Each structure stands twice: as structure tokens, then as C-alpha cells.
Amino acid sequence: MFAKKLNDLTERKWLIVLEADLHRSLVQLECANLRARLDSAHAAIRSGGPWLLAGGAVAGLVAARHWRGLARWVPTALTAWRWVQGLK
């Protein structure tokens, strides 16, 4: 009886270790994906010229000043962004 319980605990421990490895791999994959997206966004910003940088600075100032009002529009903006990305 004790040996069976010990085997069950060993199996559960092994499954937890495997699950942790799986989650660790998923986090690494997501980090690599995010890094690739940030690199492509950085390249797009650099190729956009000074107008894009100036517009980003102005948008940042407006967002900092009116962040509560803009926070209501975040779900709508995300939905619109996903829709536009789906068209490509």
C-alpha cells in the first residue's frame, strides 16, 4: 500500500515537472515572438521618418494628460486593431 502511494506521488511529481517544462518553453516562445514583433515595429518606426516620431510624442503627451478618458477606448482600439490585422 505504501509503495503504491509512493509511486503515485512520484508520478505526480514527474507530471508537474513536465508541465513546468512545457510552460517554461511556452514563455520562451512568447518572448521570442514579442522580441520579433518589437524589432519589426522598431524598423517600421525608423523608416517612418521624423513625422511618425513627432506624432508618437504628441500622442504620448495627449495620452498622459487625458489617460482616464482614453482608457475607455482601449477595448475598442484593440478590437479595431485585430480586425485590421485580420484583413492583411
C-alpha atoms as a PDB file:
ATOM      1  CA  MET A   1       0.000   0.000   0.000  1.00  0.00           C
ATOM      2  CA  PHE A   2       2.785   2.397   0.934  1.00  0.00           C
ATOM      3  CA  ALA A   3       4.733   1.551  -2.250  1.00  0.00           C
ATOM      4  CA  LYS A   4       1.666   2.263  -4.403  1.00  0.00           C
ATOM      5  CA  LYS A   5       1.158   5.639  -2.727  1.00  0.00           C
ATOM      6  CA  LEU A   6       4.849   6.435  -3.182  1.00  0.00           C
ATOM      7  CA  ASN A   7       4.632   5.529  -6.880  1.00  0.00           C
ATOM      8  CA  ASP A   8       1.581   7.777  -7.279  1.00  0.00           C
ATOM      9  CA  LEU A   9       3.439  10.657  -5.666  1.00  0.00           C
ATOM     10  CA  THR A  10       6.446  10.044  -7.899  1.00  0.00           C
ATOM     11  CA  GLU A  11       4.220  10.060 -10.985  1.00  0.00           C
ATOM     12  CA  ARG A  12       2.506  13.265  -9.906  1.00  0.00           C
ATOM     13  CA  LYS A  13       5.863  14.910  -9.265  1.00  0.00           C
ATOM     14  CA  TRP A  14       7.086  13.842 -12.709  1.00  0.00           C
ATOM     15  CA  LEU A  15       3.936  15.239 -14.338  1.00  0.00           C
ATOM     16  CA  ILE A  16       4.365  18.548 -12.510  1.00  0.00           C
ATOM     17  CA  VAL A  17       7.967  18.769 -13.697  1.00  0.00           C
ATOM     18  CA  LEU A  18       6.885  18.078 -17.284  1.00  0.00           C
ATOM     19  CA  GLU A  19       4.149  20.686 -17.030  1.00  0.00           C
ATOM     20  CA  ALA A  20       6.638  23.234 -15.694  1.00  0.00           C
ATOM     21  CA  ASP A  21       8.977  22.498 -18.616  1.00  0.00           C
ATOM     22  CA  LEU A  22       6.089  22.959 -21.026  1.00  0.00           C
ATOM     23  CA  HIS A  23       5.146  26.320 -19.504  1.00  0.00           C
ATOM     24  CA  ARG A  24       8.781  27.425 -19.500  1.00  0.00           C
ATOM     25  CA  SER A  25       9.032  26.584 -23.208  1.00  0.00           C
ATOM     26  CA  LEU A  26       5.816  28.480 -23.936  1.00  0.00           C
ATOM     27  CA  VAL A  27       7.109  31.562 -22.119  1.00  0.00           C
ATOM     28  CA  GLN A  28      10.373  31.407 -24.078  1.00  0.00           C
ATOM     29  CA  LEU A  29       8.442  31.086 -27.338  1.00  0.00           C
ATOM     30  CA  GLU A  30       6.225  34.053 -26.468  1.00  0.00           C
ATOM     31  CA  CYS A  31       9.291  36.134 -25.535  1.00  0.00           C
ATOM     32  CA  ALA A  32      10.908  35.339 -28.882  1.00  0.00           C
ATOM     33  CA  ASN A  33       7.667  36.214 -30.686  1.00  0.00           C
ATOM     34  CA  LEU A  34       7.376  39.502 -28.797  1.00  0.00           C
ATOM     35  CA  ARG A  35      11.007  40.352 -29.498  1.00  0.00           C
ATOM     36  CA  ALA A  36      10.470  39.746 -33.224  1.00  0.00           C
ATOM     37  CA  ARG A  37       7.376  41.940 -33.249  1.00  0.00           C
ATOM     38  CA  LEU A  38       9.160  44.710 -31.362  1.00  0.00           C
ATOM     39  CA  ASP A  39      12.074  44.543 -33.794  1.00  0.00           C
ATOM     40  CA  SER A  40       9.740  44.856 -36.775  1.00  0.00           C
ATOM     41  CA  ALA A  41       7.866  47.731 -35.106  1.00  0.00           C
ATOM     42  CA  HIS A  42      11.168  49.451 -34.369  1.00  0.00           C
ATOM     43  CA  ALA A  43      12.195  49.087 -38.016  1.00  0.00           C
ATOM     44  CA  ALA A  44       8.844  50.498 -39.138  1.00  0.00           C
ATOM     45  CA  ILE A  45       9.237  53.485 -36.840  1.00  0.00           C
ATOM     46  CA  ARG A  46      12.776  54.125 -38.036  1.00  0.00           C
ATOM     47  CA  SER A  47      11.680  54.019 -41.668  1.00  0.00           C
ATOM     48  CA  GLY A  48       8.652  56.249 -40.962  1.00  0.00           C
ATOM     49  CA  GLY A  49      10.760  59.349 -40.604  1.00  0.00           C
ATOM     50  CA  PRO A  50      10.509  62.267 -38.232  1.00  0.00           C
ATOM     51  CA  TRP A  51       6.762  62.754 -38.709  1.00  0.00           C
ATOM     52  CA  LEU A  52       5.982  59.403 -37.171  1.00  0.00           C
ATOM     53  CA  LEU A  53       8.223  60.117 -34.205  1.00  0.00           C
ATOM     54  CA  ALA A  54       6.691  63.568 -33.721  1.00  0.00           C
ATOM     55  CA  GLY A  55       3.178  62.111 -33.943  1.00  0.00           C
ATOM     56  CA  GLY A  56       4.087  59.479 -31.378  1.00  0.00           C
ATOM     57  CA  ALA A  57       5.398  62.115 -28.996  1.00  0.00           C
ATOM     58  CA  VAL A  58       2.226  64.195 -29.349  1.00  0.00           C
ATOM     59  CA  ALA A  59       0.047  61.123 -28.869  1.00  0.00           C
ATOM     60  CA  GLY A  60       2.024  60.252 -25.739  1.00  0.00           C
ATOM     61  CA  LEU A  61       1.503  63.718 -24.296  1.00  0.00           C
ATOM     62  CA  VAL A  62      -2.223  63.627 -25.023  1.00  0.00           C
ATOM     63  CA  ALA A  63      -2.496  60.157 -23.506  1.00  0.00           C
ATOM     64  CA  ALA A  64      -0.629  61.253 -20.380  1.00  0.00           C
ATOM     65  CA  ARG A  65      -2.916  64.240 -19.943  1.00  0.00           C
ATOM     66  CA  HIS A  66      -6.226  62.512 -20.684  1.00  0.00           C
ATOM     67  CA  TRP A  67      -5.490  58.916 -19.704  1.00  0.00           C
ATOM     68  CA  ARG A  68      -8.804  58.273 -17.954  1.00  0.00           C
ATOM     69  CA  GLY A  69     -10.893  59.291 -20.926  1.00  0.00           C
ATOM     70  CA  LEU A  70      -8.681  57.341 -23.288  1.00  0.00           C
ATOM     71  CA  ALA A  71      -8.805  54.236 -21.115  1.00  0.00           C
ATOM     72  CA  ARG A  72     -12.449  53.780 -22.105  1.00  0.00           C
ATOM     73  CA  TRP A  73     -11.410  53.456 -25.749  1.00  0.00           C
ATOM     74  CA  VAL A  74      -8.724  50.796 -25.245  1.00  0.00           C
ATOM     75  CA  PRO A  75     -11.034  47.767 -25.819  1.00  0.00           C
ATOM     76  CA  THR A  76     -12.464  49.389 -28.966  1.00  0.00           C
ATOM     77  CA  ALA A  77      -8.992  50.230 -30.262  1.00  0.00           C
ATOM     78  CA  LEU A  78      -7.779  46.672 -29.629  1.00  0.00           C
ATOM     79  CA  THR A  79     -10.788  45.217 -31.424  1.00  0.00           C
ATOM     80  CA  ALA A  80     -10.227  47.546 -34.382  1.00  0.00           C
ATOM     81  CA  TRP A  81      -6.532  46.668 -34.457  1.00  0.00           C
ATOM     82  CA  ARG A  82      -7.280  42.937 -34.510  1.00  0.00           C
ATOM     83  CA  TRP A  83      -9.836  43.473 -37.258  1.00  0.00           C
ATOM     84  CA  VAL A  84      -7.341  45.428 -39.386  1.00  0.00           C
ATOM     85  CA  GLN A  85      -4.692  42.759 -38.812  1.00  0.00           C
ATOM     86  CA  GLY A  86      -7.168  40.118 -39.952  1.00  0.00           C
ATOM     87  CA  LEU A  87      -7.649  41.913 -43.269  1.00  0.00           C
ATOM     88  CA  LYS A  88      -3.972  41.586 -44.180  1.00  0.00           C
END
